Amino acid sequence: QVQLVESGGGLVQAGGSLRLSCAASGRTIDSANMGWFLQAPGKEREFVAAIYWCGTITYYTESAKGRFTISRVHAETTVDLQMNSLKPEDTTVYYCAAAPYGSSWPTERDHEYRYWGQGTLVTVSS
């Protein structure tokens, strides 16, 4: 089992930045592709960004390209999402997720992820 805990959410003004962090414990995530998703109330979970297990390749949804950066240091237990130029429409809960070894790439579909955190709320005021 892998336990994931997100942190770093909060309230920020439009145009500001936040850095979300996902801390993993339990089994290692060294060989796991990692992803960040968002979910607005009453809507389906949406892919934001993913990073390959060794950290060398990243993939973003169109709305995240140029504004968000996913990062990890191989063999460490955290995965971060740097969020810049935030917009009010970015307001929602963000989730970290881990996909099992051997998952396809890019890992952008939520059913490919096995482990999920509880989420962290990001609120962007206008």
C-alpha atoms as a PDB file:
ATOM      1  CA  GLN A   1       0.000   0.000   0.000  1.00  0.00           C
ATOM      2  CA  VAL A   2       1.044   3.555  -0.694  1.00  0.00           C
ATOM      3  CA  GLN A   3      -0.272   6.431   1.374  1.00  0.00           C
ATOM      4  CA  LEU A   4      -0.291   9.848  -0.253  1.00  0.00           C
ATOM      5  CA  VAL A   5      -0.771  13.131   1.579  1.00  0.00           C
ATOM      6  CA  GLU A   6      -1.101  16.424  -0.227  1.00  0.00           C
ATOM      7  CA  SER A   7      -0.226  19.796   1.227  1.00  0.00           C
ATOM      8  CA  GLY A   8       0.321  23.349   0.084  1.00  0.00           C
ATOM      9  CA  GLY A   9      -3.198  24.325  -0.877  1.00  0.00           C
ATOM     10  CA  GLY A  10      -4.687  27.589   0.298  1.00  0.00           C
ATOM     11  CA  LEU A  11      -6.023  30.962  -0.699  1.00  0.00           C
ATOM     12  CA  VAL A  12      -4.169  33.076  -3.240  1.00  0.00           C
ATOM     13  CA  GLN A  13      -5.025  36.057  -5.400  1.00  0.00           C
ATOM     14  CA  ALA A  14      -5.359  35.731  -9.138  1.00  0.00           C
ATOM     15  CA  GLY A  15      -1.934  35.820 -10.752  1.00  0.00           C
ATOM     16  CA  GLY A  16      -0.294  34.367  -7.690  1.00  0.00           C
ATOM     17  CA  SER A  17       1.448  31.048  -7.109  1.00  0.00           C
ATOM     18  CA  LEU A  18       1.139  27.977  -4.944  1.00  0.00           C
ATOM     19  CA  ARG A  19       3.322  24.909  -4.620  1.00  0.00           C
ATOM     20  CA  LEU A  20       1.491  21.692  -3.881  1.00  0.00           C
ATOM     21  CA  SER A  21       3.416  18.799  -2.426  1.00  0.00           C
ATOM     22  CA  CYS A  22       2.544  15.118  -2.291  1.00  0.00           C
ATOM     23  CA  ALA A  23       4.291  13.026   0.338  1.00  0.00           C
ATOM     24  CA  ALA A  24       4.312   9.270  -0.076  1.00  0.00           C
ATOM     25  CA  SER A  25       4.733   6.637   2.603  1.00  0.00           C
ATOM     26  CA  GLY A  26       4.367   2.899   2.810  1.00  0.00           C
ATOM     27  CA  ARG A  27       5.585   1.204  -0.322  1.00  0.00           C
ATOM     28  CA  THR A  28       8.091   3.023  -2.469  1.00  0.00           C
ATOM     29  CA  ILE A  29       6.946   5.203  -5.373  1.00  0.00           C
ATOM     30  CA  ASP A  30      10.340   4.942  -7.104  1.00  0.00           C
ATOM     31  CA  SER A  31       8.857   3.038 -10.032  1.00  0.00           C
ATOM     32  CA  ALA A  32       5.463   4.749 -10.078  1.00  0.00           C
ATOM     33  CA  ASN A  33       4.314   7.300 -12.578  1.00  0.00           C
ATOM     34  CA  MET A  34       2.781  10.101 -10.539  1.00  0.00           C
ATOM     35  CA  GLY A  35      -0.008  12.463 -11.405  1.00  0.00           C
ATOM     36  CA  TRP A  36      -2.036  15.413 -10.234  1.00  0.00           C
ATOM     37  CA  PHE A  37      -5.755  15.698 -10.843  1.00  0.00           C
ATOM     38  CA  LEU A  38      -8.446  18.189  -9.945  1.00  0.00           C
ATOM     39  CA  GLN A  39     -12.084  17.677  -9.169  1.00  0.00           C
ATOM     40  CA  ALA A  40     -14.701  20.376  -8.973  1.00  0.00           C
ATOM     41  CA  PRO A  41     -17.908  19.753  -6.982  1.00  0.00           C
ATOM     42  CA  GLY A  42     -20.339  17.632  -8.953  1.00  0.00           C
ATOM     43  CA  LYS A  43     -17.872  17.021 -11.769  1.00  0.00           C
ATOM     44  CA  GLU A  44     -15.598  14.204 -12.795  1.00  0.00           C
ATOM     45  CA  ARG A  45     -11.962  14.139 -11.860  1.00  0.00           C
ATOM     46  CA  GLU A  46      -9.753  15.817 -14.461  1.00  0.00           C
ATOM     47  CA  PHE A  47      -6.133  15.204 -15.302  1.00  0.00           C
ATOM     48  CA  VAL A  48      -3.686  18.068 -14.707  1.00  0.00           C
ATOM     49  CA  ALA A  49      -0.139  16.738 -14.997  1.00  0.00           C
ATOM     50  CA  ALA A  50       1.916  13.560 -14.815  1.00  0.00           C
ATOM     51  CA  ILE A  51       5.570  12.717 -14.361  1.00  0.00           C
ATOM     52  CA  TYR A  52       7.376   9.575 -15.422  1.00  0.00           C
ATOM     53  CA  TRP A  53       8.688   7.287 -12.722  1.00  0.00           C
ATOM     54  CA  CYS A  54      12.292   8.480 -13.139  1.00  0.00           C
ATOM     55  CA  GLY A  55      11.336  12.131 -13.450  1.00  0.00           C
ATOM     56  CA  THR A  56      12.664  12.629 -16.955  1.00  0.00           C
ATOM     57  CA  ILE A  57       9.373  13.106 -18.787  1.00  0.00           C
ATOM     58  CA  THR A  58       6.347  15.222 -17.943  1.00  0.00           C
ATOM     59  CA  TYR A  59       2.922  15.644 -19.499  1.00  0.00           C
ATOM     60  CA  TYR A  60       0.311  18.369 -18.985  1.00  0.00           C
ATOM     61  CA  THR A  61      -3.226  19.150 -19.854  1.00  0.00           C
ATOM     62  CA  GLU A  62      -3.545  22.158 -22.163  1.00  0.00           C
ATOM     63  CA  SER A  63      -4.752  24.455 -19.396  1.00  0.00           C
ATOM     64  CA  ALA A  64      -1.722  23.619 -17.261  1.00  0.00           C
ATOM     65  CA  LYS A  65       0.961  23.990 -19.935  1.00  0.00           C
ATOM     66  CA  GLY A  66       3.163  27.004 -19.330  1.00  0.00           C
ATOM     67  CA  ARG A  67       1.668  27.677 -15.890  1.00  0.00           C
ATOM     68  CA  PHE A  68       2.155  24.490 -13.865  1.00  0.00           C
ATOM     69  CA  THR A  69       5.271  22.393 -13.373  1.00  0.00           C
ATOM     70  CA  ILE A  70       5.274  18.877 -11.954  1.00  0.00           C
ATOM     71  CA  SER A  71       8.542  17.684 -10.465  1.00  0.00           C
ATOM     72  CA  ARG A  72      10.089  14.878  -8.487  1.00  0.00           C
ATOM     73  CA  VAL A  73      13.538  13.742  -7.532  1.00  0.00           C
ATOM     74  CA  HIS A  74      13.988  10.073  -8.343  1.00  0.00           C
ATOM     75  CA  ALA A  75      14.117   7.860  -5.262  1.00  0.00           C
ATOM     76  CA  GLU A  76      12.649  10.579  -3.089  1.00  0.00           C
ATOM     77  CA  THR A  77       9.171  10.400  -1.649  1.00  0.00           C
ATOM     78  CA  THR A  78       7.633  13.683  -2.745  1.00  0.00           C
ATOM     79  CA  VAL A  79       6.108  14.962  -5.937  1.00  0.00           C
ATOM     80  CA  ASP A  80       5.407  18.659  -6.323  1.00  0.00           C
ATOM     81  CA  LEU A  81       3.162  20.773  -8.488  1.00  0.00           C
ATOM     82  CA  GLN A  82       4.265  24.375  -8.887  1.00  0.00           C
ATOM     83  CA  MET A  83       1.274  26.450  -9.918  1.00  0.00           C
ATOM     84  CA  ASN A  84       1.907  29.923 -11.326  1.00  0.00           C
ATOM     85  CA  SER A  85      -0.335  32.567 -12.874  1.00  0.00           C
ATOM     86  CA  LEU A  86      -3.310  31.137 -11.044  1.00  0.00           C
ATOM     87  CA  LYS A  87      -6.802  31.993 -12.206  1.00  0.00           C
ATOM     88  CA  PRO A  88     -10.102  31.942 -10.320  1.00  0.00           C
ATOM     89  CA  GLU A  89     -11.171  29.024 -12.497  1.00  0.00           C
ATOM     90  CA  ASP A  90      -8.297  26.979 -11.009  1.00  0.00           C
ATOM     91  CA  THR A  91     -10.215  26.961  -7.724  1.00  0.00           C
ATOM     92  CA  THR A  92     -10.974  23.400  -6.679  1.00  0.00           C
ATOM     93  CA  VAL A  93      -9.526  20.383  -4.870  1.00  0.00           C
ATOM     94  CA  TYR A  94      -6.304  18.905  -6.232  1.00  0.00           C
ATOM     95  CA  TYR A  95      -5.348  15.258  -5.787  1.00  0.00           C
ATOM     96  CA  CYS A  96      -2.075  13.416  -6.041  1.00  0.00           C
ATOM     97  CA  ALA A  97      -2.075   9.883  -7.417  1.00  0.00           C
ATOM     98  CA  ALA A  98       0.343   7.019  -8.018  1.00  0.00           C
ATOM     99  CA  ALA A  99       0.132   4.548 -10.879  1.00  0.00           C
ATOM    100  CA  PRO A 100       1.565   1.035 -10.568  1.00  0.00           C
ATOM    101  CA  TYR A 101       4.817   0.025 -12.194  1.00  0.00           C
ATOM    102  CA  GLY A 102       4.403  -0.576 -15.913  1.00  0.00           C
ATOM    103  CA  SER A 103       1.534   1.848 -16.434  1.00  0.00           C
ATOM    104  CA  SER A 104       1.174   3.312 -19.885  1.00  0.00           C
ATOM    105  CA  TRP A 105       2.559   6.729 -20.720  1.00  0.00           C
ATOM    106  CA  PRO A 106       1.303   9.366 -20.626  1.00  0.00           C
ATOM    107  CA  THR A 107      -0.660   8.261 -17.602  1.00  0.00           C
ATOM    108  CA  GLU A 108      -3.559  10.688 -17.876  1.00  0.00           C
ATOM    109  CA  ARG A 109      -6.623   8.568 -17.186  1.00  0.00           C
ATOM    110  CA  ASP A 110      -7.704   8.327 -13.581  1.00  0.00           C
ATOM    111  CA  HIS A 111      -8.465   4.609 -13.734  1.00  0.00           C
ATOM    112  CA  GLU A 112      -4.770   3.956 -14.400  1.00  0.00           C
ATOM    113  CA  TYR A 113      -3.887   5.257 -10.953  1.00  0.00           C
ATOM    114  CA  ARG A 114      -4.118   2.936  -7.993  1.00  0.00           C
ATOM    115  CA  TYR A 115      -3.392   5.169  -5.017  1.00  0.00           C
ATOM    116  CA  TRP A 116      -4.897   8.557  -4.231  1.00  0.00           C
ATOM    117  CA  GLY A 117      -4.434  11.235  -1.625  1.00  0.00           C
ATOM    118  CA  GLN A 118      -7.221  13.024   0.194  1.00  0.00           C
ATOM    119  CA  GLY A 119      -6.804  16.231  -1.749  1.00  0.00           C
ATOM    120  CA  THR A 120      -5.860  19.792  -0.990  1.00  0.00           C
ATOM    121  CA  LEU A 121      -8.073  22.789  -1.662  1.00  0.00           C
ATOM    122  CA  VAL A 122      -6.822  25.617  -3.851  1.00  0.00           C
ATOM    123  CA  THR A 123      -8.821  28.837  -3.818  1.00  0.00           C
ATOM    124  CA  VAL A 124      -7.964  31.667  -6.196  1.00  0.00           C
ATOM    125  CA  SER A 125      -9.657  34.978  -5.554  1.00  0.00           C
ATOM    126  CA  SER A 126     -10.298  37.521  -8.284  1.00  0.00           C
END
